Amino acid sequence: MVDGQKQIDARRVQLAGKIDTLFGTRAYLKNNYLDRAVGAQVGIGANSREETLYRIYEKDAAGQALGKV
């Protein structure tokens, strides 16, 4: 579980807030289990890209981390 969470955290950093590709059907996500896990953690029950837009704030106005979610 620890190794899996490290992969999820690294993918979130890599995406740099561009998480709109993490939501949709299994076919849309092409069974990319890492992206599906990230999507589940940052927006469980989220709608697909065509349905909505979500903003995730991880830093304050000074660029400091808000804290681990």
PDB file of N, CA and C in Angstrom:
ATOM      1  N   MET A   1       0.821  -1.175   0.000  1.00  0.00           N
ATOM      2  CA  MET A   1       0.000   0.000   0.000  1.00  0.00           C
ATOM      3  C   MET A   1       0.874   1.252   0.000  1.00  0.00           C
ATOM      4  N   VAL A   2       1.950   1.205   0.740  1.00  0.00           N
ATOM      5  CA  VAL A   2       2.839   2.372   0.801  1.00  0.00           C
ATOM      6  C   VAL A   2       3.432   2.650  -0.574  1.00  0.00           C
ATOM      7  N   ASP A   3       3.889   1.607  -1.259  1.00  0.00           N
ATOM      8  CA  ASP A   3       4.462   1.783  -2.598  1.00  0.00           C
ATOM      9  C   ASP A   3       3.417   2.313  -3.577  1.00  0.00           C
ATOM     10  N   GLY A   4       2.204   1.782  -3.493  1.00  0.00           N
ATOM     11  CA  GLY A   4       1.133   2.249  -4.367  1.00  0.00           C
ATOM     12  C   GLY A   4       0.801   3.703  -4.130  1.00  0.00           C
ATOM     13  N   GLN A   5       0.751   4.119  -2.858  1.00  0.00           N
ATOM     14  CA  GLN A   5       0.455   5.513  -2.541  1.00  0.00           C
ATOM     15  C   GLN A   5       1.560   6.432  -3.042  1.00  0.00           C
ATOM     16  N   LYS A   6       2.809   5.970  -2.978  1.00  0.00           N
ATOM     17  CA  LYS A   6       3.914   6.772  -3.507  1.00  0.00           C
ATOM     18  C   LYS A   6       3.745   6.994  -5.005  1.00  0.00           C
ATOM     19  N   GLN A   7       3.305   5.957  -5.726  1.00  0.00           N
ATOM     20  CA  GLN A   7       3.065   6.096  -7.165  1.00  0.00           C
ATOM     21  C   GLN A   7       1.936   7.079  -7.440  1.00  0.00           C
ATOM     22  N   ILE A   8       0.877   7.000  -6.647  1.00  0.00           N
ATOM     23  CA  ILE A   8      -0.254   7.915  -6.806  1.00  0.00           C
ATOM     24  C   ILE A   8       0.191   9.351  -6.553  1.00  0.00           C
ATOM     25  N   ASP A   9       0.938   9.571  -5.467  1.00  0.00           N
ATOM     26  CA  ASP A   9       1.418  10.911  -5.138  1.00  0.00           C
ATOM     27  C   ASP A   9       2.321  11.465  -6.235  1.00  0.00           C
ATOM     28  N   ALA A  10       3.204  10.619  -6.766  1.00  0.00           N
ATOM     29  CA  ALA A  10       4.107  11.054  -7.833  1.00  0.00           C
ATOM     30  C   ALA A  10       3.321  11.424  -9.091  1.00  0.00           C
ATOM     31  N   ARG A  11       2.285  10.660  -9.406  1.00  0.00           N
ATOM     32  CA  ARG A  11       1.465  10.959 -10.591  1.00  0.00           C
ATOM     33  C   ARG A  11       0.721  12.272 -10.410  1.00  0.00           C
ATOM     34  N   ARG A  12       0.229  12.554  -9.192  1.00  0.00           N
ATOM     35  CA  ARG A  12      -0.443  13.835  -8.929  1.00  0.00           C
ATOM     36  C   ARG A  12       0.506  14.999  -9.179  1.00  0.00           C
ATOM     37  N   VAL A  13       1.748  14.872  -8.720  1.00  0.00           N
ATOM     38  CA  VAL A  13       2.740  15.922  -8.934  1.00  0.00           C
ATOM     39  C   VAL A  13       3.003  16.079 -10.433  1.00  0.00           C
ATOM     40  N   GLN A  14       3.145  14.967 -11.129  1.00  0.00           N
ATOM     41  CA  GLN A  14       3.405  14.982 -12.566  1.00  0.00           C
ATOM     42  C   GLN A  14       2.268  15.678 -13.323  1.00  0.00           C
ATOM     43  N   LEU A  15       1.042  15.477 -12.894  1.00  0.00           N
ATOM     44  CA  LEU A  15      -0.107  16.069 -13.575  1.00  0.00           C
ATOM     45  C   LEU A  15      -0.219  17.569 -13.335  1.00  0.00           C
ATOM     46  N   ALA A  16       0.405  18.073 -12.282  1.00  0.00           N
ATOM     47  CA  ALA A  16       0.436  19.509 -11.975  1.00  0.00           C
ATOM     48  C   ALA A  16      -0.953  20.145 -12.014  1.00  0.00           C
ATOM     49  N   GLY A  17      -1.929  19.470 -11.410  1.00  0.00           N
ATOM     50  CA  GLY A  17      -3.276  20.029 -11.332  1.00  0.00           C
ATOM     51  C   GLY A  17      -4.149  19.760 -12.543  1.00  0.00           C
ATOM     52  N   LYS A  18      -3.612  19.191 -13.603  1.00  0.00           N
ATOM     53  CA  LYS A  18      -4.392  18.905 -14.815  1.00  0.00           C
ATOM     54  C   LYS A  18      -5.022  17.526 -14.680  1.00  0.00           C
ATOM     55  N   ILE A  19      -6.061  17.459 -13.873  1.00  0.00           N
ATOM     56  CA  ILE A  19      -6.659  16.164 -13.539  1.00  0.00           C
ATOM     57  C   ILE A  19      -7.887  15.826 -14.365  1.00  0.00           C
ATOM     58  N   ASP A  20      -8.223  16.660 -15.329  1.00  0.00           N
ATOM     59  CA  ASP A  20      -9.450  16.430 -16.101  1.00  0.00           C
ATOM     60  C   ASP A  20      -9.413  15.150 -16.919  1.00  0.00           C
ATOM     61  N   THR A  21      -8.244  14.577 -17.132  1.00  0.00           N
ATOM     62  CA  THR A  21      -8.137  13.332 -17.895  1.00  0.00           C
ATOM     63  C   THR A  21      -8.315  12.104 -17.013  1.00  0.00           C
ATOM     64  N   LEU A  22      -8.567  12.290 -15.723  1.00  0.00           N
ATOM     65  CA  LEU A  22      -8.664  11.170 -14.785  1.00  0.00           C
ATOM     66  C   LEU A  22     -10.073  10.637 -14.613  1.00  0.00           C
ATOM     67  N   PHE A  23     -11.050  11.243 -15.232  1.00  0.00           N
ATOM     68  CA  PHE A  23     -12.439  10.879 -15.002  1.00  0.00           C
ATOM     69  C   PHE A  23     -13.102  10.447 -16.302  1.00  0.00           C
ATOM     70  N   GLY A  24     -13.936   9.437 -16.197  1.00  0.00           N
ATOM     71  CA  GLY A  24     -14.656   8.930 -17.352  1.00  0.00           C
ATOM     72  C   GLY A  24     -14.822   7.427 -17.251  1.00  0.00           C
ATOM     73  N   THR A  25     -15.244   6.847 -18.325  1.00  0.00           N
ATOM     74  CA  THR A  25     -15.481   5.404 -18.338  1.00  0.00           C
ATOM     75  C   THR A  25     -14.163   4.637 -18.362  1.00  0.00           C
ATOM     76  N   ARG A  26     -14.243   3.335 -18.101  1.00  0.00           N
ATOM     77  CA  ARG A  26     -13.044   2.494 -18.195  1.00  0.00           C
ATOM     78  C   ARG A  26     -12.466   2.539 -19.604  1.00  0.00           C
ATOM     79  N   ALA A  27     -13.342   2.561 -20.596  1.00  0.00           N
ATOM     80  CA  ALA A  27     -12.873   2.625 -21.978  1.00  0.00           C
ATOM     81  C   ALA A  27     -12.112   3.925 -22.228  1.00  0.00           C
ATOM     82  N   TYR A  28     -12.636   5.046 -21.724  1.00  0.00           N
ATOM     83  CA  TYR A  28     -11.978   6.344 -21.897  1.00  0.00           C
ATOM     84  C   TYR A  28     -10.607   6.346 -21.216  1.00  0.00           C
ATOM     85  N   LEU A  29     -10.547   5.753 -20.019  1.00  0.00           N
ATOM     86  CA  LEU A  29      -9.290   5.723 -19.258  1.00  0.00           C
ATOM     87  C   LEU A  29      -8.356   4.595 -19.704  1.00  0.00           C
ATOM     88  N   LYS A  30      -8.826   3.762 -20.611  1.00  0.00           N
ATOM     89  CA  LYS A  30      -8.026   2.678 -21.193  1.00  0.00           C
ATOM     90  C   LYS A  30      -7.410   1.787 -20.117  1.00  0.00           C
ATOM     91  N   ASN A  31      -8.192   1.539 -19.062  1.00  0.00           N
ATOM     92  CA  ASN A  31      -7.757   0.694 -17.949  1.00  0.00           C
ATOM     93  C   ASN A  31      -6.416   1.118 -17.358  1.00  0.00           C
ATOM     94  N   ASN A  32      -6.135   2.418 -17.358  1.00  0.00           N
ATOM     95  CA  ASN A  32      -4.935   2.949 -16.718  1.00  0.00           C
ATOM     96  C   ASN A  32      -5.226   3.015 -15.216  1.00  0.00           C
ATOM     97  N   TYR A  33      -4.797   1.981 -14.502  1.00  0.00           N
ATOM     98  CA  TYR A  33      -5.169   1.842 -13.099  1.00  0.00           C
ATOM     99  C   TYR A  33      -4.540   2.908 -12.219  1.00  0.00           C
ATOM    100  N   LEU A  34      -3.371   3.388 -12.561  1.00  0.00           N
ATOM    101  CA  LEU A  34      -2.749   4.449 -11.768  1.00  0.00           C
ATOM    102  C   LEU A  34      -3.577   5.732 -11.878  1.00  0.00           C
ATOM    103  N   ASP A  35      -3.948   6.117 -13.093  1.00  0.00           N
ATOM    104  CA  ASP A  35      -4.768   7.322 -13.260  1.00  0.00           C
ATOM    105  C   ASP A  35      -6.136   7.149 -12.618  1.00  0.00           C
ATOM    106  N   ARG A  36      -6.680   5.950 -12.691  1.00  0.00           N
ATOM    107  CA  ARG A  36      -7.975   5.706 -12.042  1.00  0.00           C
ATOM    108  C   ARG A  36      -7.856   5.870 -10.528  1.00  0.00           C
ATOM    109  N   ALA A  37      -6.746   5.406  -9.942  1.00  0.00           N
ATOM    110  CA  ALA A  37      -6.539   5.539  -8.499  1.00  0.00           C
ATOM    111  C   ALA A  37      -6.365   7.004  -8.105  1.00  0.00           C
ATOM    112  N   VAL A  38      -5.618   7.757  -8.906  1.00  0.00           N
ATOM    113  CA  VAL A  38      -5.450   9.183  -8.630  1.00  0.00           C
ATOM    114  C   VAL A  38      -6.808   9.884  -8.710  1.00  0.00           C
ATOM    115  N   GLY A  39      -7.572   9.580  -9.744  1.00  0.00           N
ATOM    116  CA  GLY A  39      -8.898  10.177  -9.888  1.00  0.00           C
ATOM    117  C   GLY A  39      -9.797   9.859  -8.720  1.00  0.00           C
ATOM    118  N   ALA A  40      -9.721   8.639  -8.220  1.00  0.00           N
ATOM    119  CA  ALA A  40     -10.543   8.247  -7.073  1.00  0.00           C
ATOM    120  C   ALA A  40     -10.154   9.028  -5.825  1.00  0.00           C
ATOM    121  N   GLN A  41      -8.870   9.307  -5.661  1.00  0.00           N
ATOM    122  CA  GLN A  41      -8.432  10.035  -4.470  1.00  0.00           C
ATOM    123  C   GLN A  41      -8.724  11.525  -4.547  1.00  0.00           C
ATOM    124  N   VAL A  42      -8.567  12.123  -5.704  1.00  0.00           N
ATOM    125  CA  VAL A  42      -8.749  13.577  -5.792  1.00  0.00           C
ATOM    126  C   VAL A  42     -10.178  13.984  -6.113  1.00  0.00           C
ATOM    127  N   GLY A  43     -10.989  13.069  -6.579  1.00  0.00           N
ATOM    128  CA  GLY A  43     -12.338  13.469  -6.946  1.00  0.00           C
ATOM    129  C   GLY A  43     -13.298  12.314  -7.057  1.00  0.00           C
ATOM    130  N   ILE A  44     -13.385  11.529  -6.012  1.00  0.00           N
ATOM    131  CA  ILE A  44     -14.258  10.359  -6.060  1.00  0.00           C
ATOM    132  C   ILE A  44     -15.679  10.782  -6.439  1.00  0.00           C
ATOM    133  N   GLY A  45     -16.240  10.081  -7.374  1.00  0.00           N
ATOM    134  CA  GLY A  45     -17.576  10.415  -7.851  1.00  0.00           C
ATOM    135  C   GLY A  45     -17.594  11.574  -8.832  1.00  0.00           C
ATOM    136  N   ALA A  46     -16.432  11.946  -9.328  1.00  0.00           N
ATOM    137  CA  ALA A  46     -16.340  13.097 -10.225  1.00  0.00           C
ATOM    138  C   ALA A  46     -16.962  12.791 -11.586  1.00  0.00           C
ATOM    139  N   ASN A  47     -17.378  13.834 -12.235  1.00  0.00           N
ATOM    140  CA  ASN A  47     -17.946  13.710 -13.576  1.00  0.00           C
ATOM    141  C   ASN A  47     -16.834  13.680 -14.619  1.00  0.00           C
ATOM    142  N   SER A  48     -17.177  13.293 -15.816  1.00  0.00           N
ATOM    143  CA  SER A  48     -16.201  13.243 -16.904  1.00  0.00           C
ATOM    144  C   SER A  48     -15.866  14.659 -17.375  1.00  0.00           C
ATOM    145  N   ARG A  49     -14.833  14.759 -18.186  1.00  0.00           N
ATOM    146  CA  ARG A  49     -14.361  16.050 -18.704  1.00  0.00           C
ATOM    147  C   ARG A  49     -15.475  16.806 -19.429  1.00  0.00           C
ATOM    148  N   GLU A  50     -16.300  16.077 -20.143  1.00  0.00           N
ATOM    149  CA  GLU A  50     -17.369  16.725 -20.903  1.00  0.00           C
ATOM    150  C   GLU A  50     -18.462  17.290 -20.005  1.00  0.00           C
ATOM    151  N   GLU A  51     -18.544  16.823 -18.780  1.00  0.00           N
ATOM    152  CA  GLU A  51     -19.628  17.208 -17.890  1.00  0.00           C
ATOM    153  C   GLU A  51     -19.313  18.365 -16.948  1.00  0.00           C
ATOM    154  N   THR A  52     -18.047  18.571 -16.619  1.00  0.00           N
ATOM    155  CA  THR A  52     -17.729  19.599 -15.626  1.00  0.00           C
ATOM    156  C   THR A  52     -16.258  19.956 -15.622  1.00  0.00           C
ATOM    157  N   LEU A  53     -15.894  20.902 -14.762  1.00  0.00           N
ATOM    158  CA  LEU A  53     -14.513  21.321 -14.579  1.00  0.00           C
ATOM    159  C   LEU A  53     -14.252  21.451 -13.085  1.00  0.00           C
ATOM    160  N   TYR A  54     -13.217  20.796 -12.599  1.00  0.00           N
ATOM    161  CA  TYR A  54     -12.864  20.844 -11.176  1.00  0.00           C
ATOM    162  C   TYR A  54     -11.523  21.542 -11.009  1.00  0.00           C
ATOM    163  N   ARG A  55     -11.414  22.322  -9.975  1.00  0.00           N
ATOM    164  CA  ARG A  55     -10.144  22.971  -9.631  1.00  0.00           C
ATOM    165  C   ARG A  55      -9.656  22.396  -8.307  1.00  0.00           C
ATOM    166  N   ILE A  56      -8.394  22.067  -8.251  1.00  0.00           N
ATOM    167  CA  ILE A  56      -7.777  21.545  -7.042  1.00  0.00           C
ATOM    168  C   ILE A  56      -6.725  22.561  -6.598  1.00  0.00           C
ATOM    169  N   TYR A  57      -6.847  23.008  -5.376  1.00  0.00           N
ATOM    170  CA  TYR A  57      -5.891  23.968  -4.842  1.00  0.00           C
ATOM    171  C   TYR A  57      -4.980  23.264  -3.848  1.00  0.00           C
ATOM    172  N   GLU A  58      -3.678  23.258  -4.137  1.00  0.00           N
ATOM    173  CA  GLU A  58      -2.705  22.621  -3.266  1.00  0.00           C
ATOM    174  C   GLU A  58      -1.721  23.622  -2.687  1.00  0.00           C
ATOM    175  N   LYS A  59      -1.727  24.869  -3.200  1.00  0.00           N
ATOM    176  CA  LYS A  59      -0.801  25.897  -2.713  1.00  0.00           C
ATOM    177  C   LYS A  59      -1.571  27.178  -2.438  1.00  0.00           C
ATOM    178  N   ASP A  60      -1.045  27.987  -1.506  1.00  0.00           N
ATOM    179  CA  ASP A  60      -1.669  29.267  -1.221  1.00  0.00           C
ATOM    180  C   ASP A  60      -1.131  30.325  -2.174  1.00  0.00           C
ATOM    181  N   ALA A  61      -1.535  31.584  -1.989  1.00  0.00           N
ATOM    182  CA  ALA A  61      -1.134  32.665  -2.886  1.00  0.00           C
ATOM    183  C   ALA A  61       0.381  32.880  -2.905  1.00  0.00           C
ATOM    184  N   ALA A  62       1.056  32.496  -1.814  1.00  0.00           N
ATOM    185  CA  ALA A  62       2.514  32.630  -1.746  1.00  0.00           C
ATOM    186  C   ALA A  62       3.260  31.413  -2.298  1.00  0.00           C
ATOM    187  N   GLY A  63       2.510  30.422  -2.786  1.00  0.00           N
ATOM    188  CA  GLY A  63       3.126  29.228  -3.341  1.00  0.00           C
ATOM    189  C   GLY A  63       3.465  28.169  -2.316  1.00  0.00           C
ATOM    190  N   GLN A  64       2.998  28.352  -1.079  1.00  0.00           N
ATOM    191  CA  GLN A  64       3.272  27.381  -0.019  1.00  0.00           C
ATOM    192  C   GLN A  64       2.205  26.279  -0.043  1.00  0.00           C
ATOM    193  N   ALA A  65       2.642  25.066   0.220  1.00  0.00           N
ATOM    194  CA  ALA A  65       1.720  23.925   0.240  1.00  0.00           C
ATOM    195  C   ALA A  65       0.663  24.124   1.323  1.00  0.00           C
ATOM    196  N   LEU A  66      -0.586  23.796   0.994  1.00  0.00           N
ATOM    197  CA  LEU A  66      -1.686  23.916   1.954  1.00  0.00           C
ATOM    198  C   LEU A  66      -1.684  22.778   2.952  1.00  0.00           C
ATOM    199  N   GLY A  67      -1.018  21.723   2.654  1.00  0.00           N
ATOM    200  CA  GLY A  67      -0.994  20.550   3.533  1.00  0.00           C
ATOM    201  C   GLY A  67      -1.365  19.324   2.738  1.00  0.00           C
ATOM    202  N   LYS A  68      -0.979  18.198   3.225  1.00  0.00           N
ATOM    203  CA  LYS A  68      -1.252  16.955   2.528  1.00  0.00           C
ATOM    204  C   LYS A  68      -2.720  16.587   2.682  1.00  0.00           C
ATOM    205  N   VAL A  69      -3.328  16.236   1.571  1.00  0.00           N
ATOM    206  CA  VAL A  69      -4.748  15.867   1.559  1.00  0.00           C
ATOM    207  C   VAL A  69      -4.903  14.434   1.940  1.00  0.00           C
TER     208      VAL A  69
END
